[in-house]
PDB file of all heavy atoms in Angstrom:
ATOM      1  N   ARG A   1      89.916 138.916  94.730  1.00  0.00           N
ATOM      2  CA  ARG A   1      90.386 139.143  93.348  1.00  0.00           C
ATOM      3  C   ARG A   1      91.420 140.266  93.297  1.00  0.00           C
ATOM      4  O   ARG A   1      92.360 140.210  92.512  1.00  0.00           O
ATOM      5  CB  ARG A   1      89.192 139.469  92.439  1.00  0.00           C
ATOM      6  CG  ARG A   1      88.325 138.251  92.217  1.00  0.00           C
ATOM      7  CD  ARG A   1      87.175 138.499  91.279  1.00  0.00           C
ATOM      8  NE  ARG A   1      86.390 137.279  91.137  1.00  0.00           N
ATOM      9  CZ  ARG A   1      85.330 137.164  90.356  1.00  0.00           C
ATOM     10  NH1 ARG A   1      84.923 138.198  89.644  1.00  0.00           N
ATOM     11  NH2 ARG A   1      84.674 136.024  90.279  1.00  0.00           N
ATOM     12  N   THR A   2      91.243 141.269  94.159  1.00  0.00           N
ATOM     13  CA  THR A   2      92.234 142.363  94.230  1.00  0.00           C
ATOM     14  C   THR A   2      93.574 141.813  94.706  1.00  0.00           C
ATOM     15  O   THR A   2      94.626 142.112  94.132  1.00  0.00           O
ATOM     16  CB  THR A   2      91.735 143.460  95.204  1.00  0.00           C
ATOM     17  OG1 THR A   2      90.473 143.932  94.747  1.00  0.00           O
ATOM     18  CG2 THR A   2      92.721 144.615  95.270  1.00  0.00           C
ATOM     19  N   VAL A   3      93.526 140.983  95.767  1.00  0.00           N
ATOM     20  CA  VAL A   3      94.743 140.383  96.319  1.00  0.00           C
ATOM     21  C   VAL A   3      95.426 139.510  95.270  1.00  0.00           C
ATOM     22  O   VAL A   3      96.638 139.599  95.044  1.00  0.00           O
ATOM     23  CB  VAL A   3      94.414 139.546  97.584  1.00  0.00           C
ATOM     24  CG1 VAL A   3      95.606 138.697  98.004  1.00  0.00           C
ATOM     25  CG2 VAL A   3      93.998 140.465  98.724  1.00  0.00           C
ATOM     26  N   PHE A   4      94.646 138.669  94.622  1.00  0.00           N
ATOM     27  CA  PHE A   4      95.193 137.765  93.603  1.00  0.00           C
ATOM     28  C   PHE A   4      95.796 138.564  92.438  1.00  0.00           C
ATOM     29  O   PHE A   4      96.882 138.260  91.942  1.00  0.00           O
ATOM     30  CB  PHE A   4      94.091 136.829  93.094  1.00  0.00           C
ATOM     31  CG  PHE A   4      94.581 135.805  92.108  1.00  0.00           C
ATOM     32  CD1 PHE A   4      95.372 134.737  92.521  1.00  0.00           C
ATOM     33  CD2 PHE A   4      94.253 135.895  90.757  1.00  0.00           C
ATOM     34  CE1 PHE A   4      95.823 133.800  91.619  1.00  0.00           C
ATOM     35  CE2 PHE A   4      94.703 134.963  89.842  1.00  0.00           C
ATOM     36  CZ  PHE A   4      95.495 133.907  90.282  1.00  0.00           C
ATOM     37  N   GLY A   5      95.081 139.619  92.033  1.00  0.00           N
ATOM     38  CA  GLY A   5      95.568 140.476  90.930  1.00  0.00           C
ATOM     39  C   GLY A   5      96.892 141.140  91.285  1.00  0.00           C
ATOM     40  O   GLY A   5      97.812 141.197  90.459  1.00  0.00           O
ATOM     41  N   ASN A   6      97.024 141.624  92.530  1.00  0.00           N
ATOM     42  CA  ASN A   6      98.266 142.272  92.972  1.00  0.00           C
ATOM     43  C   ASN A   6      99.436 141.286  93.021  1.00  0.00           C
ATOM     44  O   ASN A   6     100.573 141.634  92.703  1.00  0.00           O
ATOM     45  CB  ASN A   6      98.067 142.929  94.348  1.00  0.00           C
ATOM     46  CG  ASN A   6      97.265 144.211  94.246  1.00  0.00           C
ATOM     47  OD1 ASN A   6      97.147 144.790  93.167  1.00  0.00           O
ATOM     48  ND2 ASN A   6      96.700 144.655  95.350  1.00  0.00           N
ATOM     49  N   MET A   7      99.151 140.045  93.438  1.00  0.00           N
ATOM     50  CA  MET A   7     100.203 139.023  93.450  1.00  0.00           C
ATOM     51  C   MET A   7     100.689 138.741  92.030  1.00  0.00           C
ATOM     52  O   MET A   7     101.893 138.618  91.780  1.00  0.00           O
ATOM     53  CB  MET A   7      99.664 137.732  94.100  1.00  0.00           C
ATOM     54  CG  MET A   7      99.631 137.809  95.618  1.00  0.00           C
ATOM     55  SD  MET A   7      98.464 136.666  96.403  1.00  0.00           S
ATOM     56  CE  MET A   7      98.921 135.127  95.675  1.00  0.00           C
ATOM     57  N   MET A   8      99.746 138.659  91.104  1.00  0.00           N
ATOM     58  CA  MET A   8     100.109 138.387  89.703  1.00  0.00           C
ATOM     59  C   MET A   8     100.879 139.561  89.100  1.00  0.00           C
ATOM     60  O   MET A   8     101.767 139.366  88.269  1.00  0.00           O
ATOM     61  CB  MET A   8      98.854 138.103  88.874  1.00  0.00           C
ATOM     62  CG  MET A   8      98.167 136.770  89.204  1.00  0.00           C
ATOM     63  SD  MET A   8      99.295 135.363  89.205  1.00  0.00           S
ATOM     64  CE  MET A   8      99.778 135.315  87.497  1.00  0.00           C
ATOM     65  N   LYS A   9     100.541 140.795  89.537  1.00  0.00           N
ATOM     66  CA  LYS A   9     101.268 141.978  89.042  1.00  0.00           C
ATOM     67  C   LYS A   9     102.747 141.865  89.390  1.00  0.00           C
ATOM     68  O   LYS A   9     103.619 142.104  88.546  1.00  0.00           O
ATOM     69  CB  LYS A   9     100.708 143.255  89.692  1.00  0.00           C
ATOM     70  CG  LYS A   9      99.479 143.809  89.026  1.00  0.00           C
ATOM     71  CD  LYS A   9      98.975 145.002  89.824  1.00  0.00           C
ATOM     72  CE  LYS A   9      97.490 145.198  89.575  1.00  0.00           C
ATOM     73  NZ  LYS A   9      96.906 146.138  90.519  1.00  0.00           N
ATOM     74  N   TYR A  10     103.015 141.496  90.650  1.00  0.00           N
ATOM     75  CA  TYR A  10     104.414 141.383  91.078  1.00  0.00           C
ATOM     76  C   TYR A  10     105.141 140.332  90.247  1.00  0.00           C
ATOM     77  O   TYR A  10     106.258 140.557  89.769  1.00  0.00           O
ATOM     78  CB  TYR A  10     104.511 141.031  92.570  1.00  0.00           C
ATOM     79  CG  TYR A  10     105.939 140.675  92.963  1.00  0.00           C
ATOM     80  CD1 TYR A  10     106.897 141.674  93.107  1.00  0.00           C
ATOM     81  CD2 TYR A  10     106.334 139.346  93.100  1.00  0.00           C
ATOM     82  CE1 TYR A  10     108.208 141.362  93.417  1.00  0.00           C
ATOM     83  CE2 TYR A  10     107.648 139.020  93.403  1.00  0.00           C
ATOM     84  CZ  TYR A  10     108.588 140.030  93.561  1.00  0.00           C
ATOM     85  OH  TYR A  10     109.888 139.721  93.838  1.00  0.00           O
ATOM     86  N   ILE A  11     104.504 139.169  90.092  1.00  0.00           N
ATOM     87  CA  ILE A  11     105.146 138.069  89.352  1.00  0.00           C
ATOM     88  C   ILE A  11     105.433 138.486  87.912  1.00  0.00           C
ATOM     89  O   ILE A  11     106.538 138.300  87.394  1.00  0.00           O
ATOM     90  CB  ILE A  11     104.265 136.795  89.410  1.00  0.00           C
ATOM     91  CG1 ILE A  11     104.250 136.248  90.848  1.00  0.00           C
ATOM     92  CG2 ILE A  11     104.777 135.718  88.454  1.00  0.00           C
ATOM     93  CD1 ILE A  11     103.196 135.202  91.094  1.00  0.00           C
ATOM     94  N   LYS A  12     104.449 139.112  87.260  1.00  0.00           N
ATOM     95  CA  LYS A  12     104.625 139.526  85.853  1.00  0.00           C
ATOM     96  C   LYS A  12     105.697 140.610  85.726  1.00  0.00           C
ATOM     97  O   LYS A  12     106.558 140.560  84.840  1.00  0.00           O
ATOM     98  CB  LYS A  12     103.298 140.045  85.288  1.00  0.00           C
ATOM     99  CG  LYS A  12     102.283 138.933  85.008  1.00  0.00           C
ATOM    100  CD  LYS A  12     100.963 139.539  84.545  1.00  0.00           C
ATOM    101  CE  LYS A  12      99.931 138.441  84.287  1.00  0.00           C
ATOM    102  NZ  LYS A  12      98.619 139.023  83.934  1.00  0.00           N
ATOM    103  N   MET A  13     105.641 141.593  86.628  1.00  0.00           N
ATOM    104  CA  MET A  13     106.609 142.701  86.555  1.00  0.00           C
ATOM    105  C   MET A  13     108.032 142.207  86.824  1.00  0.00           C
ATOM    106  O   MET A  13     108.974 142.575  86.118  1.00  0.00           O
ATOM    107  CB  MET A  13     106.239 143.787  87.582  1.00  0.00           C
ATOM    108  CG  MET A  13     104.989 144.579  87.204  1.00  0.00           C
ATOM    109  SD  MET A  13     104.269 145.456  88.602  1.00  0.00           S
ATOM    110  CE  MET A  13     105.516 146.672  88.940  1.00  0.00           C
ATOM    111  N   THR A  14     108.166 141.348  87.837  1.00  0.00           N
ATOM    112  CA  THR A  14     109.500 140.868  88.208  1.00  0.00           C
ATOM    113  C   THR A  14     110.079 139.965  87.121  1.00  0.00           C
ATOM    114  O   THR A  14     111.263 140.087  86.774  1.00  0.00           O
ATOM    115  CB  THR A  14     109.435 140.107  89.555  1.00  0.00           C
ATOM    116  OG1 THR A  14     108.867 140.977  90.524  1.00  0.00           O
ATOM    117  CG2 THR A  14     110.813 139.682  90.003  1.00  0.00           C
ATOM    118  N   ILE A  15     109.256 139.074  86.596  1.00  0.00           N
ATOM    119  CA  ILE A  15     109.764 138.170  85.547  1.00  0.00           C
ATOM    120  C   ILE A  15     110.183 138.967  84.318  1.00  0.00           C
ATOM    121  O   ILE A  15     111.243 138.715  83.732  1.00  0.00           O
ATOM    122  CB  ILE A  15     108.696 137.098  85.206  1.00  0.00           C
ATOM    123  CG1 ILE A  15     108.617 136.081  86.351  1.00  0.00           C
ATOM    124  CG2 ILE A  15     109.021 136.391  83.897  1.00  0.00           C
ATOM    125  CD1 ILE A  15     107.518 135.055  86.201  1.00  0.00           C
ATOM    126  N   SER A  16     109.357 139.953  83.932  1.00  0.00           N
ATOM    127  CA  SER A  16     109.712 140.746  82.738  1.00  0.00           C
ATOM    128  C   SER A  16     110.985 141.563  82.979  1.00  0.00           C
ATOM    129  O   SER A  16     111.876 141.643  82.121  1.00  0.00           O
ATOM    130  CB  SER A  16     108.556 141.659  82.337  1.00  0.00           C
ATOM    131  OG  SER A  16     108.241 142.521  83.395  1.00  0.00           O
ATOM    132  N   SER A  17     111.091 142.154  84.192  1.00  0.00           N
ATOM    133  CA  SER A  17     112.278 142.945  84.530  1.00  0.00           C
ATOM    134  C   SER A  17     113.531 142.068  84.582  1.00  0.00           C
ATOM    135  O   SER A  17     114.575 142.397  83.978  1.00  0.00           O
ATOM    136  CB  SER A  17     112.055 143.616  85.880  1.00  0.00           C
ATOM    137  OG  SER A  17     113.281 144.045  86.415  1.00  0.00           O
ATOM    138  N   ASN A  18     113.418 140.929  85.296  1.00  0.00           N
ATOM    139  CA  ASN A  18     114.568 140.032  85.427  1.00  0.00           C
ATOM    140  C   ASN A  18     114.972 139.431  84.089  1.00  0.00           C
ATOM    141  O   ASN A  18     116.159 139.247  83.812  1.00  0.00           O
ATOM    142  CB  ASN A  18     114.251 138.912  86.428  1.00  0.00           C
ATOM    143  CG  ASN A  18     114.168 139.434  87.862  1.00  0.00           C
ATOM    144  OD1 ASN A  18     114.302 140.635  88.076  1.00  0.00           O
ATOM    145  ND2 ASN A  18     113.949 138.553  88.806  1.00  0.00           N
ATOM    146  N   PHE A  19     113.968 139.131  83.271  1.00  0.00           N
ATOM    147  CA  PHE A  19     114.277 138.577  81.954  1.00  0.00           C
ATOM    148  C   PHE A  19     115.064 139.603  81.134  1.00  0.00           C
ATOM    149  O   PHE A  19     116.028 139.264  80.435  1.00  0.00           O
ATOM    150  CB  PHE A  19     112.987 138.194  81.214  1.00  0.00           C
ATOM    151  CG  PHE A  19     113.223 137.702  79.815  1.00  0.00           C
ATOM    152  CD1 PHE A  19     113.685 136.401  79.582  1.00  0.00           C
ATOM    153  CD2 PHE A  19     113.017 138.530  78.719  1.00  0.00           C
ATOM    154  CE1 PHE A  19     113.926 135.955  78.288  1.00  0.00           C
ATOM    155  CE2 PHE A  19     113.250 138.092  77.429  1.00  0.00           C
ATOM    156  CZ  PHE A  19     113.705 136.790  77.212  1.00  0.00           C
ATOM    157  N   GLY A  20     114.656 140.882  81.261  1.00  0.00           N
ATOM    158  CA  GLY A  20     115.374 141.945  80.547  1.00  0.00           C
ATOM    159  C   GLY A  20     116.831 142.023  80.984  1.00  0.00           C
ATOM    160  O   GLY A  20     117.749 142.124  80.147  1.00  0.00           O
ATOM    161  N   ASN A  21     117.059 141.962  82.300  1.00  0.00           N
ATOM    162  CA  ASN A  21     118.422 141.980  82.841  1.00  0.00           C
ATOM    163  C   ASN A  21     119.254 140.825  82.304  1.00  0.00           C
ATOM    164  O   ASN A  21     120.366 141.009  81.790  1.00  0.00           O
ATOM    165  CB  ASN A  21     118.385 141.865  84.379  1.00  0.00           C
ATOM    166  CG  ASN A  21     118.122 143.209  85.039  1.00  0.00           C
ATOM    167  OD1 ASN A  21     118.251 144.245  84.390  1.00  0.00           O
ATOM    168  ND2 ASN A  21     117.748 143.183  86.291  1.00  0.00           N
ATOM    169  N   VAL A  22     118.717 139.619  82.451  1.00  0.00           N
ATOM    170  CA  VAL A  22     119.460 138.412  82.086  1.00  0.00           C
ATOM    171  C   VAL A  22     119.695 138.353  80.579  1.00  0.00           C
ATOM    172  O   VAL A  22     120.790 137.990  80.117  1.00  0.00           O
ATOM    173  CB  VAL A  22     118.725 137.148  82.597  1.00  0.00           C
ATOM    174  CG1 VAL A  22     119.361 135.878  82.042  1.00  0.00           C
ATOM    175  CG2 VAL A  22     118.738 137.123  84.122  1.00  0.00           C
ATOM    176  N   PHE A  23     118.681 138.743  79.815  1.00  0.00           N
ATOM    177  CA  PHE A  23     118.821 138.722  78.356  1.00  0.00           C
ATOM    178  C   PHE A  23     119.933 139.683  77.908  1.00  0.00           C
ATOM    179  O   PHE A  23     120.752 139.350  77.043  1.00  0.00           O
ATOM    180  CB  PHE A  23     117.481 139.099  77.699  1.00  0.00           C
ATOM    181  CG  PHE A  23     117.486 138.986  76.204  1.00  0.00           C
ATOM    182  CD1 PHE A  23     117.491 137.732  75.584  1.00  0.00           C
ATOM    183  CD2 PHE A  23     117.493 140.120  75.393  1.00  0.00           C
ATOM    184  CE1 PHE A  23     117.499 137.633  74.202  1.00  0.00           C
ATOM    185  CE2 PHE A  23     117.509 140.024  74.018  1.00  0.00           C
ATOM    186  CZ  PHE A  23     117.504 138.767  73.405  1.00  0.00           C
ATOM    187  N   SER A  24     119.956 140.870  78.561  1.00  0.00           N
ATOM    188  CA  SER A  24     121.011 141.863  78.247  1.00  0.00           C
ATOM    189  C   SER A  24     122.399 141.302  78.552  1.00  0.00           C
ATOM    190  O   SER A  24     123.340 141.441  77.765  1.00  0.00           O
ATOM    191  CB  SER A  24     120.804 143.142  79.056  1.00  0.00           C
ATOM    192  OG  SER A  24     119.518 143.652  78.809  1.00  0.00           O
ATOM    193  N   VAL A  25     122.504 140.649  79.739  1.00  0.00           N
ATOM    194  CA  VAL A  25     123.789 140.074  80.147  1.00  0.00           C
ATOM    195  C   VAL A  25     124.219 138.981  79.180  1.00  0.00           C
ATOM    196  O   VAL A  25     125.396 138.892  78.769  1.00  0.00           O
ATOM    197  CB  VAL A  25     123.698 139.526  81.593  1.00  0.00           C
ATOM    198  CG1 VAL A  25     124.936 138.697  81.940  1.00  0.00           C
ATOM    199  CG2 VAL A  25     123.548 140.682  82.579  1.00  0.00           C
ATOM    200  N   LEU A  26     123.281 138.115  78.801  1.00  0.00           N
ATOM    201  CA  LEU A  26     123.600 137.001  77.887  1.00  0.00           C
ATOM    202  C   LEU A  26     124.057 137.507  76.521  1.00  0.00           C
ATOM    203  O   LEU A  26     125.037 137.027  75.950  1.00  0.00           O
ATOM    204  CB  LEU A  26     122.381 136.080  77.721  1.00  0.00           C
ATOM    205  CG  LEU A  26     122.047 135.163  78.908  1.00  0.00           C
ATOM    206  CD1 LEU A  26     120.706 134.493  78.705  1.00  0.00           C
ATOM    207  CD2 LEU A  26     123.129 134.110  79.088  1.00  0.00           C
ATOM    208  N   VAL A  27     123.331 138.505  75.991  1.00  0.00           N
ATOM    209  CA  VAL A  27     123.688 139.045  74.669  1.00  0.00           C
ATOM    210  C   VAL A  27     125.046 139.742  74.750  1.00  0.00           C
ATOM    211  O   VAL A  27     125.924 139.537  73.894  1.00  0.00           O
ATOM    212  CB  VAL A  27     122.602 140.022  74.165  1.00  0.00           C
ATOM    213  CG1 VAL A  27     123.078 140.765  72.919  1.00  0.00           C
ATOM    214  CG2 VAL A  27     121.307 139.254  73.870  1.00  0.00           C
ATOM    215  N   ALA A  28     125.238 140.552  75.816  1.00  0.00           N
ATOM    216  CA  ALA A  28     126.500 141.291  75.969  1.00  0.00           C
ATOM    217  C   ALA A  28     127.680 140.342  76.119  1.00  0.00           C
ATOM    218  O   ALA A  28     128.780 140.599  75.596  1.00  0.00           O
ATOM    219  CB  ALA A  28     126.410 142.218  77.169  1.00  0.00           C
ATOM    220  N   SER A  29     127.478 139.196  76.826  1.00  0.00           N
ATOM    221  CA  SER A  29     128.582 138.258  77.078  1.00  0.00           C
ATOM    222  C   SER A  29     129.096 137.610  75.791  1.00  0.00           C
ATOM    223  O   SER A  29     130.232 137.122  75.738  1.00  0.00           O
ATOM    224  CB  SER A  29     128.124 137.168  78.068  1.00  0.00           C
ATOM    225  OG  SER A  29     127.143 136.350  77.463  1.00  0.00           O
ATOM    226  N   ALA A  30     128.266 137.630  74.754  1.00  0.00           N
ATOM    227  CA  ALA A  30     128.692 137.034  73.473  1.00  0.00           C
ATOM    228  C   ALA A  30     129.727 137.932  72.791  1.00  0.00           C
ATOM    229  O   ALA A  30     130.525 137.457  71.965  1.00  0.00           O
ATOM    230  CB  ALA A  30     127.489 136.833  72.572  1.00  0.00           C
ATOM    231  N   PHE A  31     129.734 139.244  73.143  1.00  0.00           N
ATOM    232  CA  PHE A  31     130.644 140.184  72.464  1.00  0.00           C
ATOM    233  C   PHE A  31     131.738 140.719  73.376  1.00  0.00           C
ATOM    234  O   PHE A  31     132.763 141.207  72.901  1.00  0.00           O
ATOM    235  CB  PHE A  31     129.821 141.376  71.919  1.00  0.00           C
ATOM    236  CG  PHE A  31     128.723 140.963  70.970  1.00  0.00           C
ATOM    237  CD1 PHE A  31     127.403 140.891  71.404  1.00  0.00           C
ATOM    238  CD2 PHE A  31     129.016 140.615  69.656  1.00  0.00           C
ATOM    239  CE1 PHE A  31     126.391 140.508  70.537  1.00  0.00           C
ATOM    240  CE2 PHE A  31     128.002 140.230  68.791  1.00  0.00           C
ATOM    241  CZ  PHE A  31     126.696 140.174  69.232  1.00  0.00           C
ATOM    242  N   LEU A  32     131.526 140.661  74.687  1.00  0.00           N
ATOM    243  CA  LEU A  32     132.507 141.232  75.609  1.00  0.00           C
ATOM    244  C   LEU A  32     133.406 140.157  76.193  1.00  0.00           C
ATOM    245  O   LEU A  32     132.949 139.056  76.485  1.00  0.00           O
ATOM    246  CB  LEU A  32     131.781 141.969  76.757  1.00  0.00           C
ATOM    247  CG  LEU A  32     130.887 143.149  76.344  1.00  0.00           C
ATOM    248  CD1 LEU A  32     130.104 143.668  77.543  1.00  0.00           C
ATOM    249  CD2 LEU A  32     131.727 144.287  75.741  1.00  0.00           C
ATOM    250  N   PRO A  33     134.667 140.467  76.409  1.00  0.00           N
ATOM    251  CA  PRO A  33     135.602 139.471  76.971  1.00  0.00           C
ATOM    252  C   PRO A  33     135.552 139.415  78.504  1.00  0.00           C
ATOM    253  O   PRO A  33     136.376 138.775  79.127  1.00  0.00           O
ATOM    254  CB  PRO A  33     136.963 139.989  76.490  1.00  0.00           C
ATOM    255  CG  PRO A  33     136.776 141.460  76.386  1.00  0.00           C
ATOM    256  CD  PRO A  33     135.357 141.705  76.008  1.00  0.00           C
ATOM    257  N   PHE A  34     134.578 140.106  79.126  1.00  0.00           N
ATOM    258  CA  PHE A  34     134.465 140.092  80.589  1.00  0.00           C
ATOM    259  C   PHE A  34     132.974 140.018  80.950  1.00  0.00           C
ATOM    260  O   PHE A  34     132.097 140.197  80.106  1.00  0.00           O
ATOM    261  CB  PHE A  34     135.079 141.375  81.184  1.00  0.00           C
ATOM    262  CG  PHE A  34     134.526 142.639  80.604  1.00  0.00           C
ATOM    263  CD1 PHE A  34     133.375 143.217  81.143  1.00  0.00           C
ATOM    264  CD2 PHE A  34     135.139 143.253  79.503  1.00  0.00           C
ATOM    265  CE1 PHE A  34     132.859 144.383  80.585  1.00  0.00           C
ATOM    266  CE2 PHE A  34     134.619 144.400  78.952  1.00  0.00           C
ATOM    267  CZ  PHE A  34     133.470 144.971  79.488  1.00  0.00           C
ATOM    268  N   LEU A  35     132.654 139.749  82.260  1.00  0.00           N
ATOM    269  CA  LEU A  35     131.266 139.680  82.718  1.00  0.00           C
ATOM    270  C   LEU A  35     130.646 141.081  82.679  1.00  0.00           C
ATOM    271  O   LEU A  35     131.177 141.999  83.304  1.00  0.00           O
ATOM    272  CB  LEU A  35     131.198 139.161  84.151  1.00  0.00           C
ATOM    273  CG  LEU A  35     131.215 137.642  84.349  1.00  0.00           C
ATOM    274  CD1 LEU A  35     131.169 137.321  85.847  1.00  0.00           C
ATOM    275  CD2 LEU A  35     130.030 136.981  83.668  1.00  0.00           C
ATOM    276  N   PRO A  36     129.535 141.257  81.945  1.00  0.00           N
ATOM    277  CA  PRO A  36     128.920 142.596  81.861  1.00  0.00           C
ATOM    278  C   PRO A  36     128.428 143.082  83.236  1.00  0.00           C
ATOM    279  O   PRO A  36     128.539 144.256  83.554  1.00  0.00           O
ATOM    280  CB  PRO A  36     127.737 142.392  80.921  1.00  0.00           C
ATOM    281  CG  PRO A  36     128.000 141.091  80.226  1.00  0.00           C
ATOM    282  CD  PRO A  36     128.809 140.253  81.143  1.00  0.00           C
ATOM    283  N   MET A  37     127.856 142.168  84.035  1.00  0.00           N
ATOM    284  CA  MET A  37     127.394 142.536  85.378  1.00  0.00           C
ATOM    285  C   MET A  37     127.718 141.394  86.333  1.00  0.00           C
ATOM    286  O   MET A  37     127.490 140.230  86.021  1.00  0.00           O
ATOM    287  CB  MET A  37     125.882 142.781  85.411  1.00  0.00           C
ATOM    288  CG  MET A  37     125.434 144.100  84.795  1.00  0.00           C
ATOM    289  SD  MET A  37     123.646 144.328  84.917  1.00  0.00           S
ATOM    290  CE  MET A  37     123.503 144.942  86.573  1.00  0.00           C
ATOM    291  N   LEU A  38     128.247 141.754  87.492  1.00  0.00           N
ATOM    292  CA  LEU A  38     128.521 140.733  88.499  1.00  0.00           C
ATOM    293  C   LEU A  38     127.214 140.307  89.162  1.00  0.00           C
ATOM    294  O   LEU A  38     126.232 141.062  89.183  1.00  0.00           O
ATOM    295  CB  LEU A  38     129.477 141.282  89.556  1.00  0.00           C
ATOM    296  CG  LEU A  38     130.875 141.686  89.061  1.00  0.00           C
ATOM    297  CD1 LEU A  38     131.644 142.384  90.174  1.00  0.00           C
ATOM    298  CD2 LEU A  38     131.644 140.463  88.563  1.00  0.00           C
TER     299      LEU A  38
END
């Protein structure tokens, strides 16, 4: 259960972090005339 819990922690943390990155890029791209992040 410890192993399974740690695997789920990584998945949850990474998805939330990556979603934050991508969401920021998508929102910024609607207002900026260039790519916010390469």
